Amino acid sequence: MEHGPIVLTNRRLEYQANIFASSLLIPVEFLTPLARTYFQKENIRKGYLYLDHQPVNQRLVFTFLHQISSVFQVSLEVAKIRMVTLGLLEDTTDNSLRSIFKRMEANRNI
């Protein structure tokens, strides 16, 4: 079944809404010290997290995204977008968080 331009437009609008929400709900002046503390605790010296297909990097990213989500009461996707826009996360997966979570769960059950 072909979805066409309406689905793409809706996805684009949802993404733009998430960018707006991330800026509004996660102020940089509160997120930066939280990130600095997490990076020190996890011995991350490069100043940003790196999301790829390596389990250790995924664990670091998702642990911090859950922390942001809890502190600011936002979705994981909104937290991820804010991290990326502030240069605190480099995401090389080009996947949704949902698909990465599924892959991580599948790897745990092996």
PDB file of N, CA and C in Angstrom:
ATOM      1  N   MET A   1       0.835  -1.180   0.000  1.00  0.00           N
ATOM      2  CA  MET A   1       0.000   0.000   0.000  1.00  0.00           C
ATOM      3  C   MET A   1       0.882   1.246   0.000  1.00  0.00           C
ATOM      4  N   GLU A   2       0.610   2.140  -0.897  1.00  0.00           N
ATOM      5  CA  GLU A   2       1.390   3.366  -1.010  1.00  0.00           C
ATOM      6  C   GLU A   2       0.792   4.444  -0.108  1.00  0.00           C
ATOM      7  N   HIS A   3       1.657   5.124   0.642  1.00  0.00           N
ATOM      8  CA  HIS A   3       1.176   6.138   1.577  1.00  0.00           C
ATOM      9  C   HIS A   3       1.109   7.516   0.952  1.00  0.00           C
ATOM     10  N   GLY A   4       2.032   7.824   0.100  1.00  0.00           N
ATOM     11  CA  GLY A   4       2.005   9.082  -0.611  1.00  0.00           C
ATOM     12  C   GLY A   4       2.426  10.286   0.186  1.00  0.00           C
ATOM     13  N   PRO A   5       2.191  11.464  -0.383  1.00  0.00           N
ATOM     14  CA  PRO A   5       2.689  12.716   0.195  1.00  0.00           C
ATOM     15  C   PRO A   5       2.013  13.106   1.509  1.00  0.00           C
ATOM     16  N   ILE A   6       0.795  12.642   1.753  1.00  0.00           N
ATOM     17  CA  ILE A   6       0.110  13.009   3.006  1.00  0.00           C
ATOM     18  C   ILE A   6       0.854  12.444   4.203  1.00  0.00           C
ATOM     19  N   VAL A   7       1.276  11.195   4.124  1.00  0.00           N
ATOM     20  CA  VAL A   7       2.015  10.572   5.222  1.00  0.00           C
ATOM     21  C   VAL A   7       3.342  11.284   5.431  1.00  0.00           C
ATOM     22  N   LEU A   8       4.040  11.597   4.344  1.00  0.00           N
ATOM     23  CA  LEU A   8       5.313  12.304   4.463  1.00  0.00           C
ATOM     24  C   LEU A   8       5.120  13.689   5.069  1.00  0.00           C
ATOM     25  N   THR A   9       4.064  14.372   4.692  1.00  0.00           N
ATOM     26  CA  THR A   9       3.764  15.684   5.256  1.00  0.00           C
ATOM     27  C   THR A   9       3.466  15.567   6.744  1.00  0.00           C
ATOM     28  N   ASN A  10       2.697  14.560   7.121  1.00  0.00           N
ATOM     29  CA  ASN A  10       2.387  14.354   8.538  1.00  0.00           C
ATOM     30  C   ASN A  10       3.639  14.051   9.347  1.00  0.00           C
ATOM     31  N   ARG A  11       4.527  13.237   8.795  1.00  0.00           N
ATOM     32  CA  ARG A  11       5.778  12.921   9.490  1.00  0.00           C
ATOM     33  C   ARG A  11       6.639  14.164   9.650  1.00  0.00           C
ATOM     34  N   ARG A  12       6.689  14.969   8.599  1.00  0.00           N
ATOM     35  CA  ARG A  12       7.467  16.198   8.650  1.00  0.00           C
ATOM     36  C   ARG A  12       6.885  17.149   9.701  1.00  0.00           C
ATOM     37  N   LEU A  13       5.562  17.268   9.741  1.00  0.00           N
ATOM     38  CA  LEU A  13       4.915  18.129  10.740  1.00  0.00           C
ATOM     39  C   LEU A  13       5.164  17.623  12.155  1.00  0.00           C
ATOM     40  N   GLU A  14       5.108  16.301  12.329  1.00  0.00           N
ATOM     41  CA  GLU A  14       5.374  15.724  13.646  1.00  0.00           C
ATOM     42  C   GLU A  14       6.806  16.003  14.084  1.00  0.00           C
ATOM     43  N   TYR A  15       7.743  15.870  13.157  1.00  0.00           N
ATOM     44  CA  TYR A  15       9.142  16.132  13.479  1.00  0.00           C
ATOM     45  C   TYR A  15       9.343  17.602  13.841  1.00  0.00           C
ATOM     46  N   GLN A  16       8.726  18.503  13.084  1.00  0.00           N
ATOM     47  CA  GLN A  16       8.838  19.932  13.392  1.00  0.00           C
ATOM     48  C   GLN A  16       8.224  20.247  14.755  1.00  0.00           C
ATOM     49  N   ALA A  17       7.102  19.599  15.073  1.00  0.00           N
ATOM     50  CA  ALA A  17       6.480  19.794  16.388  1.00  0.00           C
ATOM     51  C   ALA A  17       7.403  19.292  17.497  1.00  0.00           C
ATOM     52  N   ASN A  18       8.087  18.177  17.259  1.00  0.00           N
ATOM     53  CA  ASN A  18       9.023  17.649  18.253  1.00  0.00           C
ATOM     54  C   ASN A  18      10.225  18.571  18.438  1.00  0.00           C
ATOM     55  N   ILE A  19      10.701  19.185  17.358  1.00  0.00           N
ATOM     56  CA  ILE A  19      11.802  20.143  17.480  1.00  0.00           C
ATOM     57  C   ILE A  19      11.363  21.329  18.330  1.00  0.00           C
ATOM     58  N   PHE A  20      10.185  21.849  18.055  1.00  0.00           N
ATOM     59  CA  PHE A  20       9.659  22.971  18.834  1.00  0.00           C
ATOM     60  C   PHE A  20       9.494  22.581  20.297  1.00  0.00           C
ATOM     61  N   ALA A  21       8.891  21.413  20.528  1.00  0.00           N
ATOM     62  CA  ALA A  21       8.676  20.947  21.902  1.00  0.00           C
ATOM     63  C   ALA A  21       9.998  20.774  22.635  1.00  0.00           C
ATOM     64  N   SER A  22      10.992  20.246  21.950  1.00  0.00           N
ATOM     65  CA  SER A  22      12.280  20.022  22.610  1.00  0.00           C
ATOM     66  C   SER A  22      12.906  21.341  23.047  1.00  0.00           C
ATOM     67  N   SER A  23      12.801  22.357  22.213  1.00  0.00           N
ATOM     68  CA  SER A  23      13.362  23.668  22.563  1.00  0.00           C
ATOM     69  C   SER A  23      12.602  24.321  23.707  1.00  0.00           C
ATOM     70  N   LEU A  24      11.311  24.155  23.693  1.00  0.00           N
ATOM     71  CA  LEU A  24      10.462  24.777  24.711  1.00  0.00           C
ATOM     72  C   LEU A  24      10.563  24.067  26.062  1.00  0.00           C
ATOM     73  N   LEU A  25      10.551  22.743  26.036  1.00  0.00           N
ATOM     74  CA  LEU A  25      10.438  21.961  27.275  1.00  0.00           C
ATOM     75  C   LEU A  25      11.774  21.565  27.899  1.00  0.00           C
ATOM     76  N   ILE A  26      12.855  21.668  27.135  1.00  0.00           N
ATOM     77  CA  ILE A  26      14.165  21.278  27.656  1.00  0.00           C
ATOM     78  C   ILE A  26      15.120  22.462  27.482  1.00  0.00           C
ATOM     79  N   PRO A  27      15.096  23.399  28.406  1.00  0.00           N
ATOM     80  CA  PRO A  27      15.973  24.572  28.290  1.00  0.00           C
ATOM     81  C   PRO A  27      17.445  24.183  28.358  1.00  0.00           C
ATOM     82  N   VAL A  28      18.231  24.801  27.484  1.00  0.00           N
ATOM     83  CA  VAL A  28      19.663  24.501  27.402  1.00  0.00           C
ATOM     84  C   VAL A  28      20.352  24.757  28.743  1.00  0.00           C
ATOM     85  N   GLU A  29      19.934  25.780  29.469  1.00  0.00           N
ATOM     86  CA  GLU A  29      20.591  26.097  30.742  1.00  0.00           C
ATOM     87  C   GLU A  29      20.360  25.034  31.812  1.00  0.00           C
ATOM     88  N   PHE A  30      19.368  24.160  31.626  1.00  0.00           N
ATOM     89  CA  PHE A  30      19.159  23.051  32.563  1.00  0.00           C
ATOM     90  C   PHE A  30      19.732  21.743  32.029  1.00  0.00           C
ATOM     91  N   LEU A  31      19.685  21.571  30.710  1.00  0.00           N
ATOM     92  CA  LEU A  31      20.184  20.321  30.126  1.00  0.00           C
ATOM     93  C   LEU A  31      21.709  20.246  30.140  1.00  0.00           C
ATOM     94  N   THR A  32      22.381  21.346  29.886  1.00  0.00           N
ATOM     95  CA  THR A  32      23.841  21.333  29.811  1.00  0.00           C
ATOM     96  C   THR A  32      24.498  20.845  31.104  1.00  0.00           C
ATOM     97  N   PRO A  33      24.106  21.370  32.276  1.00  0.00           N
ATOM     98  CA  PRO A  33      24.725  20.846  33.504  1.00  0.00           C
ATOM     99  C   PRO A  33      24.387  19.367  33.753  1.00  0.00           C
ATOM    100  N   LEU A  34      23.175  18.958  33.370  1.00  0.00           N
ATOM    101  CA  LEU A  34      22.783  17.560  33.521  1.00  0.00           C
ATOM    102  C   LEU A  34      23.672  16.674  32.639  1.00  0.00           C
ATOM    103  N   ALA A  35      23.912  17.121  31.409  1.00  0.00           N
ATOM    104  CA  ALA A  35      24.784  16.369  30.496  1.00  0.00           C
ATOM    105  C   ALA A  35      26.217  16.335  31.020  1.00  0.00           C
ATOM    106  N   ARG A  36      26.697  17.464  31.499  1.00  0.00           N
ATOM    107  CA  ARG A  36      28.069  17.526  32.016  1.00  0.00           C
ATOM    108  C   ARG A  36      28.252  16.528  33.156  1.00  0.00           C
ATOM    109  N   THR A  37      27.284  16.461  34.063  1.00  0.00           N
ATOM    110  CA  THR A  37      27.356  15.531  35.193  1.00  0.00           C
ATOM    111  C   THR A  37      27.348  14.085  34.709  1.00  0.00           C
ATOM    112  N   TYR A  38      26.472  13.780  33.756  1.00  0.00           N
ATOM    113  CA  TYR A  38      26.392  12.414  33.217  1.00  0.00           C
ATOM    114  C   TYR A  38      27.691  12.035  32.505  1.00  0.00           C
ATOM    115  N   PHE A  39      28.207  12.954  31.709  1.00  0.00           N
ATOM    116  CA  PHE A  39      29.450  12.676  30.983  1.00  0.00           C
ATOM    117  C   PHE A  39      30.603  12.420  31.952  1.00  0.00           C
ATOM    118  N   GLN A  40      30.687  13.191  33.013  1.00  0.00           N
ATOM    119  CA  GLN A  40      31.746  12.970  34.010  1.00  0.00           C
ATOM    120  C   GLN A  40      31.574  11.614  34.679  1.00  0.00           C
ATOM    121  N   LYS A  41      30.337  11.296  35.057  1.00  0.00           N
ATOM    122  CA  LYS A  41      30.063  10.021  35.729  1.00  0.00           C
ATOM    123  C   LYS A  41      30.441   8.837  34.840  1.00  0.00           C
ATOM    124  N   GLU A  42      30.158   8.941  33.548  1.00  0.00           N
ATOM    125  CA  GLU A  42      30.425   7.848  32.607  1.00  0.00           C
ATOM    126  C   GLU A  42      31.797   7.957  31.934  1.00  0.00           C
ATOM    127  N   ASN A  43      32.584   8.945  32.356  1.00  0.00           N
ATOM    128  CA  ASN A  43      33.941   9.144  31.821  1.00  0.00           C
ATOM    129  C   ASN A  43      33.934   9.403  30.305  1.00  0.00           C
ATOM    130  N   ILE A  44      32.985  10.231  29.878  1.00  0.00           N
ATOM    131  CA  ILE A  44      32.876  10.616  28.469  1.00  0.00           C
ATOM    132  C   ILE A  44      33.586  11.949  28.317  1.00  0.00           C
ATOM    133  N   ARG A  45      34.693  11.948  27.612  1.00  0.00           N
ATOM    134  CA  ARG A  45      35.542  13.138  27.527  1.00  0.00           C
ATOM    135  C   ARG A  45      35.340  13.950  26.247  1.00  0.00           C
ATOM    136  N   LYS A  46      34.704  13.380  25.254  1.00  0.00           N
ATOM    137  CA  LYS A  46      34.596  14.082  23.971  1.00  0.00           C
ATOM    138  C   LYS A  46      33.487  15.142  23.946  1.00  0.00           C
ATOM    139  N   GLY A  47      32.649  15.204  24.978  1.00  0.00           N
ATOM    140  CA  GLY A  47      31.633  16.252  25.060  1.00  0.00           C
ATOM    141  C   GLY A  47      30.310  15.935  24.390  1.00  0.00           C
ATOM    142  N   TYR A  48      30.173  14.719  23.876  1.00  0.00           N
ATOM    143  CA  TYR A  48      28.902  14.312  23.286  1.00  0.00           C
ATOM    144  C   TYR A  48      28.816  12.786  23.303  1.00  0.00           C
ATOM    145  N   LEU A  49      27.599  12.293  23.199  1.00  0.00           N
ATOM    146  CA  LEU A  49      27.365  10.861  23.093  1.00  0.00           C
ATOM    147  C   LEU A  49      27.314  10.482  21.626  1.00  0.00           C
ATOM    148  N   TYR A  50      27.596   9.224  21.359  1.00  0.00           N
ATOM    149  CA  TYR A  50      27.653   8.717  19.985  1.00  0.00           C
ATOM    150  C   TYR A  50      26.721   7.522  19.881  1.00  0.00           C
ATOM    151  N   LEU A  51      25.674   7.637  19.052  1.00  0.00           N
ATOM    152  CA  LEU A  51      24.718   6.549  18.882  1.00  0.00           C
ATOM    153  C   LEU A  51      24.997   5.834  17.566  1.00  0.00           C
ATOM    154  N   ASP A  52      25.396   4.589  17.692  1.00  0.00           N
ATOM    155  CA  ASP A  52      25.616   3.739  16.538  1.00  0.00           C
ATOM    156  C   ASP A  52      25.048   2.368  16.884  1.00  0.00           C
ATOM    157  N   HIS A  53      25.558   1.315  16.292  1.00  0.00           N
ATOM    158  CA  HIS A  53      25.014  -0.022  16.540  1.00  0.00           C
ATOM    159  C   HIS A  53      25.772  -0.793  17.615  1.00  0.00           C
ATOM    160  N   GLN A  54      26.692  -0.152  18.309  1.00  0.00           N
ATOM    161  CA  GLN A  54      27.432  -0.814  19.375  1.00  0.00           C
ATOM    162  C   GLN A  54      26.619  -0.770  20.674  1.00  0.00           C
ATOM    163  N   PRO A  55      26.424  -1.912  21.308  1.00  0.00           N
ATOM    164  CA  PRO A  55      25.613  -1.974  22.522  1.00  0.00           C
ATOM    165  C   PRO A  55      26.064  -1.010  23.630  1.00  0.00           C
ATOM    166  N   VAL A  56      27.368  -0.827  23.812  1.00  0.00           N
ATOM    167  CA  VAL A  56      27.831   0.060  24.882  1.00  0.00           C
ATOM    168  C   VAL A  56      27.396   1.500  24.618  1.00  0.00           C
ATOM    169  N   ASN A  57      27.496   1.942  23.372  1.00  0.00           N
ATOM    170  CA  ASN A  57      27.072   3.295  23.030  1.00  0.00           C
ATOM    171  C   ASN A  57      25.558   3.441  23.144  1.00  0.00           C
ATOM    172  N   GLN A  58      24.823   2.420  22.727  1.00  0.00           N
ATOM    173  CA  GLN A  58      23.368   2.455  22.853  1.00  0.00           C
ATOM    174  C   GLN A  58      22.950   2.548  24.316  1.00  0.00           C
ATOM    175  N   ARG A  59      23.618   1.786  25.174  1.00  0.00           N
ATOM    176  CA  ARG A  59      23.282   1.822  26.597  1.00  0.00           C
ATOM    177  C   ARG A  59      23.516   3.216  27.167  1.00  0.00           C
ATOM    178  N   LEU A  60      24.659   3.809  26.846  1.00  0.00           N
ATOM    179  CA  LEU A  60      24.969   5.150  27.343  1.00  0.00           C
ATOM    180  C   LEU A  60      23.924   6.165  26.881  1.00  0.00           C
ATOM    181  N   VAL A  61      23.584   6.105  25.608  1.00  0.00           N
ATOM    182  CA  VAL A  61      22.611   7.061  25.055  1.00  0.00           C
ATOM    183  C   VAL A  61      21.238   6.854  25.683  1.00  0.00           C
ATOM    184  N   PHE A  62      20.761   5.617  25.715  1.00  0.00           N
ATOM    185  CA  PHE A  62      19.405   5.392  26.199  1.00  0.00           C
ATOM    186  C   PHE A  62      19.274   5.626  27.691  1.00  0.00           C
ATOM    187  N   THR A  63      20.318   5.367  28.435  1.00  0.00           N
ATOM    188  CA  THR A  63      20.278   5.681  29.865  1.00  0.00           C
ATOM    189  C   THR A  63      20.095   7.178  30.068  1.00  0.00           C
ATOM    190  N   PHE A  64      20.854   7.976  29.320  1.00  0.00           N
ATOM    191  CA  PHE A  64      20.743   9.421  29.463  1.00  0.00           C
ATOM    192  C   PHE A  64      19.427   9.943  28.891  1.00  0.00           C
ATOM    193  N   LEU A  65      18.956   9.393  27.781  1.00  0.00           N
ATOM    194  CA  LEU A  65      17.670   9.821  27.233  1.00  0.00           C
ATOM    195  C   LEU A  65      16.536   9.544  28.217  1.00  0.00           C
ATOM    196  N   HIS A  66      16.593   8.404  28.893  1.00  0.00           N
ATOM    197  CA  HIS A  66      15.579   8.100  29.910  1.00  0.00           C
ATOM    198  C   HIS A  66      15.655   9.102  31.057  1.00  0.00           C
ATOM    199  N   GLN A  67      16.855   9.478  31.435  1.00  0.00           N
ATOM    200  CA  GLN A  67      17.016  10.469  32.500  1.00  0.00           C
ATOM    201  C   GLN A  67      16.400  11.812  32.079  1.00  0.00           C
ATOM    202  N   ILE A  68      16.700  12.250  30.873  1.00  0.00           N
ATOM    203  CA  ILE A  68      16.135  13.506  30.370  1.00  0.00           C
ATOM    204  C   ILE A  68      14.617  13.407  30.313  1.00  0.00           C
ATOM    205  N   SER A  69      14.125  12.307  29.790  1.00  0.00           N
ATOM    206  CA  SER A  69      12.684  12.094  29.673  1.00  0.00           C
ATOM    207  C   SER A  69      12.003  12.186  31.030  1.00  0.00           C
ATOM    208  N   SER A  70      12.625  11.602  32.032  1.00  0.00           N
ATOM    209  CA  SER A  70      12.064  11.623  33.379  1.00  0.00           C
ATOM    210  C   SER A  70      12.119  13.023  33.999  1.00  0.00           C
ATOM    211  N   VAL A  71      13.248  13.680  33.894  1.00  0.00           N
ATOM    212  CA  VAL A  71      13.434  14.997  34.504  1.00  0.00           C
ATOM    213  C   VAL A  71      12.512  16.037  33.874  1.00  0.00           C
ATOM    214  N   PHE A  72      12.415  16.035  32.543  1.00  0.00           N
ATOM    215  CA  PHE A  72      11.673  17.077  31.841  1.00  0.00           C
ATOM    216  C   PHE A  72      10.272  16.644  31.410  1.00  0.00           C
ATOM    217  N   GLN A  73       9.925  15.379  31.685  1.00  0.00           N
ATOM    218  CA  GLN A  73       8.605  14.843  31.328  1.00  0.00           C
ATOM    219  C   GLN A  73       8.320  14.987  29.827  1.00  0.00           C
ATOM    220  N   VAL A  74       9.258  14.515  29.020  1.00  0.00           N
ATOM    221  CA  VAL A  74       9.121  14.542  27.567  1.00  0.00           C
ATOM    222  C   VAL A  74       9.325  13.133  27.028  1.00  0.00           C
ATOM    223  N   SER A  75       8.967  12.936  25.773  1.00  0.00           N
ATOM    224  CA  SER A  75       9.187  11.635  25.139  1.00  0.00           C
ATOM    225  C   SER A  75      10.681  11.434  24.878  1.00  0.00           C
ATOM    226  N   LEU A  76      11.048  10.196  24.675  1.00  0.00           N
ATOM    227  CA  LEU A  76      12.441   9.888  24.345  1.00  0.00           C
ATOM    228  C   LEU A  76      12.829  10.531  23.018  1.00  0.00           C
ATOM    229  N   GLU A  77      11.909  10.568  22.089  1.00  0.00           N
ATOM    230  CA  GLU A  77      12.201  11.172  20.781  1.00  0.00           C
ATOM    231  C   GLU A  77      12.481  12.666  20.920  1.00  0.00           C
ATOM    232  N   VAL A  78      11.695  13.361  21.747  1.00  0.00           N
ATOM    233  CA  VAL A  78      11.923  14.791  21.978  1.00  0.00           C
ATOM    234  C   VAL A  78      13.274  14.997  22.659  1.00  0.00           C
ATOM    235  N   ALA A  79      13.600  14.137  23.620  1.00  0.00           N
ATOM    236  CA  ALA A  79      14.898  14.231  24.298  1.00  0.00           C
ATOM    237  C   ALA A  79      16.035  14.017  23.309  1.00  0.00           C
ATOM    238  N   LYS A  80      15.880  13.041  22.426  1.00  0.00           N
ATOM    239  CA  LYS A  80      16.912  12.755  21.422  1.00  0.00           C
ATOM    240  C   LYS A  80      17.098  13.950  20.487  1.00  0.00           C
ATOM    241  N   ILE A  81      16.005  14.518  20.032  1.00  0.00           N
ATOM    242  CA  ILE A  81      16.083  15.669  19.130  1.00  0.00           C
ATOM    243  C   ILE A  81      16.813  16.829  19.799  1.00  0.00           C
ATOM    244  N   ARG A  82      16.518  17.084  21.058  1.00  0.00           N
ATOM    245  CA  ARG A  82      17.178  18.192  21.763  1.00  0.00           C
ATOM    246  C   ARG A  82      18.672  17.925  21.905  1.00  0.00           C
ATOM    247  N   MET A  83      19.028  16.691  22.223  1.00  0.00           N
ATOM    248  CA  MET A  83      20.450  16.345  22.336  1.00  0.00           C
ATOM    249  C   MET A  83      21.170  16.558  21.006  1.00  0.00           C
ATOM    250  N   VAL A  84      20.550  16.142  19.914  1.00  0.00           N
ATOM    251  CA  VAL A  84      21.165  16.294  18.590  1.00  0.00           C
ATOM    252  C   VAL A  84      21.300  17.771  18.238  1.00  0.00           C
ATOM    253  N   THR A  85      20.239  18.550  18.441  1.00  0.00           N
ATOM    254  CA  THR A  85      20.285  19.966  18.058  1.00  0.00           C
ATOM    255  C   THR A  85      21.298  20.754  18.875  1.00  0.00           C
ATOM    256  N   LEU A  86      21.594  20.306  20.080  1.00  0.00           N
ATOM    257  CA  LEU A  86      22.587  20.991  20.918  1.00  0.00           C
ATOM    258  C   LEU A  86      23.997  20.432  20.736  1.00  0.00           C
ATOM    259  N   GLY A  87      24.154  19.437  19.877  1.00  0.00           N
ATOM    260  CA  GLY A  87      25.472  18.858  19.642  1.00  0.00           C
ATOM    261  C   GLY A  87      25.933  17.937  20.756  1.00  0.00           C
ATOM    262  N   LEU A  88      24.999  17.465  21.572  1.00  0.00           N
ATOM    263  CA  LEU A  88      25.337  16.567  22.676  1.00  0.00           C
ATOM    264  C   LEU A  88      25.180  15.096  22.287  1.00  0.00           C
ATOM    265  N   LEU A  89      24.668  14.857  21.086  1.00  0.00           N
ATOM    266  CA  LEU A  89      24.478  13.498  20.590  1.00  0.00           C
ATOM    267  C   LEU A  89      24.731  13.476  19.091  1.00  0.00           C
ATOM    268  N   GLU A  90      25.575  12.543  18.673  1.00  0.00           N
ATOM    269  CA  GLU A  90      25.760  12.283  17.248  1.00  0.00           C
ATOM    270  C   GLU A  90      25.109  10.947  16.949  1.00  0.00           C
ATOM    271  N   ASP A  91      24.079  10.973  16.120  1.00  0.00           N
ATOM    272  CA  ASP A  91      23.308   9.771  15.800  1.00  0.00           C
ATOM    273  C   ASP A  91      23.640   9.330  14.381  1.00  0.00           C
ATOM    274  N   THR A  92      24.311   8.192  14.263  1.00  0.00           N
ATOM    275  CA  THR A  92      24.675   7.669  12.942  1.00  0.00           C
ATOM    276  C   THR A  92      23.748   6.546  12.492  1.00  0.00           C
ATOM    277  N   THR A  93      22.716   6.255  13.279  1.00  0.00           N
ATOM    278  CA  THR A  93      21.862   5.108  12.980  1.00  0.00           C
ATOM    279  C   THR A  93      20.824   5.386  11.913  1.00  0.00           C
ATOM    280  N   ASP A  94      20.330   6.618  11.821  1.00  0.00           N
ATOM    281  CA  ASP A  94      19.264   6.968  10.892  1.00  0.00           C
ATOM    282  C   ASP A  94      18.051   6.066  11.102  1.00  0.00           C
ATOM    283  N   ASN A  95      17.841   5.652  12.348  1.00  0.00           N
ATOM    284  CA  ASN A  95      16.699   4.807  12.711  1.00  0.00           C
ATOM    285  C   ASN A  95      15.890   5.494  13.794  1.00  0.00           C
ATOM    286  N   SER A  96      14.646   5.094  13.900  1.00  0.00           N
ATOM    287  CA  SER A  96      13.836   5.592  15.003  1.00  0.00           C
ATOM    288  C   SER A  96      14.293   4.913  16.290  1.00  0.00           C
ATOM    289  N   LEU A  97      14.015   5.555  17.397  1.00  0.00           N
ATOM    290  CA  LEU A  97      14.364   4.952  18.687  1.00  0.00           C
ATOM    291  C   LEU A  97      13.640   3.624  18.873  1.00  0.00           C
ATOM    292  N   ARG A  98      12.416   3.548  18.413  1.00  0.00           N
ATOM    293  CA  ARG A  98      11.627   2.319  18.571  1.00  0.00           C
ATOM    294  C   ARG A  98      12.327   1.130  17.913  1.00  0.00           C
ATOM    295  N   SER A  99      12.848   1.323  16.698  1.00  0.00           N
ATOM    296  CA  SER A  99      13.512   0.203  16.013  1.00  0.00           C
ATOM    297  C   SER A  99      14.813  -0.180  16.708  1.00  0.00           C
ATOM    298  N   ILE A 100      15.523   0.789  17.259  1.00  0.00           N
ATOM    299  CA  ILE A 100      16.763   0.482  17.976  1.00  0.00           C
ATOM    300  C   ILE A 100      16.455  -0.274  19.263  1.00  0.00           C
ATOM    301  N   PHE A 101      15.402   0.147  19.991  1.00  0.00           N
ATOM    302  CA  PHE A 101      15.000  -0.566  21.203  1.00  0.00           C
ATOM    303  C   PHE A 101      14.656  -2.016  20.892  1.00  0.00           C
ATOM    304  N   LYS A 102      13.920  -2.240  19.812  1.00  0.00           N
ATOM    305  CA  LYS A 102      13.548  -3.609  19.438  1.00  0.00           C
ATOM    306  C   LYS A 102      14.783  -4.460  19.174  1.00  0.00           C
ATOM    307  N   ARG A 103      15.759  -3.885  18.459  1.00  0.00           N
ATOM    308  CA  ARG A 103      16.992  -4.611  18.157  1.00  0.00           C
ATOM    309  C   ARG A 103      17.756  -4.923  19.446  1.00  0.00           C
ATOM    310  N   MET A 104      17.798  -3.953  20.377  1.00  0.00           N
ATOM    311  CA  MET A 104      18.499  -4.188  21.640  1.00  0.00           C
ATOM    312  C   MET A 104      17.832  -5.308  22.431  1.00  0.00           C
ATOM    313  N   GLU A 105      16.505  -5.303  22.461  1.00  0.00           N
ATOM    314  CA  GLU A 105      15.766  -6.365  23.170  1.00  0.00           C
ATOM    315  C   GLU A 105      16.025  -7.716  22.522  1.00  0.00           C
ATOM    316  N   ALA A 106      16.041  -7.763  21.213  1.00  0.00           N
ATOM    317  CA  ALA A 106      16.289  -9.028  20.514  1.00  0.00           C
ATOM    318  C   ALA A 106      17.687  -9.552  20.838  1.00  0.00           C
ATOM    319  N   ASN A 107      18.658  -8.672  20.924  1.00  0.00           N
ATOM    320  CA  ASN A 107      20.027  -9.074  21.250  1.00  0.00           C
ATOM    321  C   ASN A 107      20.126  -9.599  22.672  1.00  0.00           C
ATOM    322  N   ARG A 108      19.337  -9.076  23.584  1.00  0.00           N
ATOM    323  CA  ARG A 108      19.350  -9.550  24.977  1.00  0.00           C
ATOM    324  C   ARG A 108      18.790 -10.959  25.080  1.00  0.00           C
ATOM    325  N   ASN A 109      17.829 -11.294  24.224  1.00  0.00           N
ATOM    326  CA  ASN A 109      17.167 -12.595  24.292  1.00  0.00           C
ATOM    327  C   ASN A 109      17.934 -13.696  23.580  1.00  0.00           C
ATOM    328  N   ILE A 110      19.031 -13.352  22.937  1.00  0.00           N
ATOM    329  CA  ILE A 110      19.828 -14.366  22.223  1.00  0.00           C
ATOM    330  C   ILE A 110      20.690 -15.130  23.206  1.00  0.00           C
TER     331      ILE A 110
END
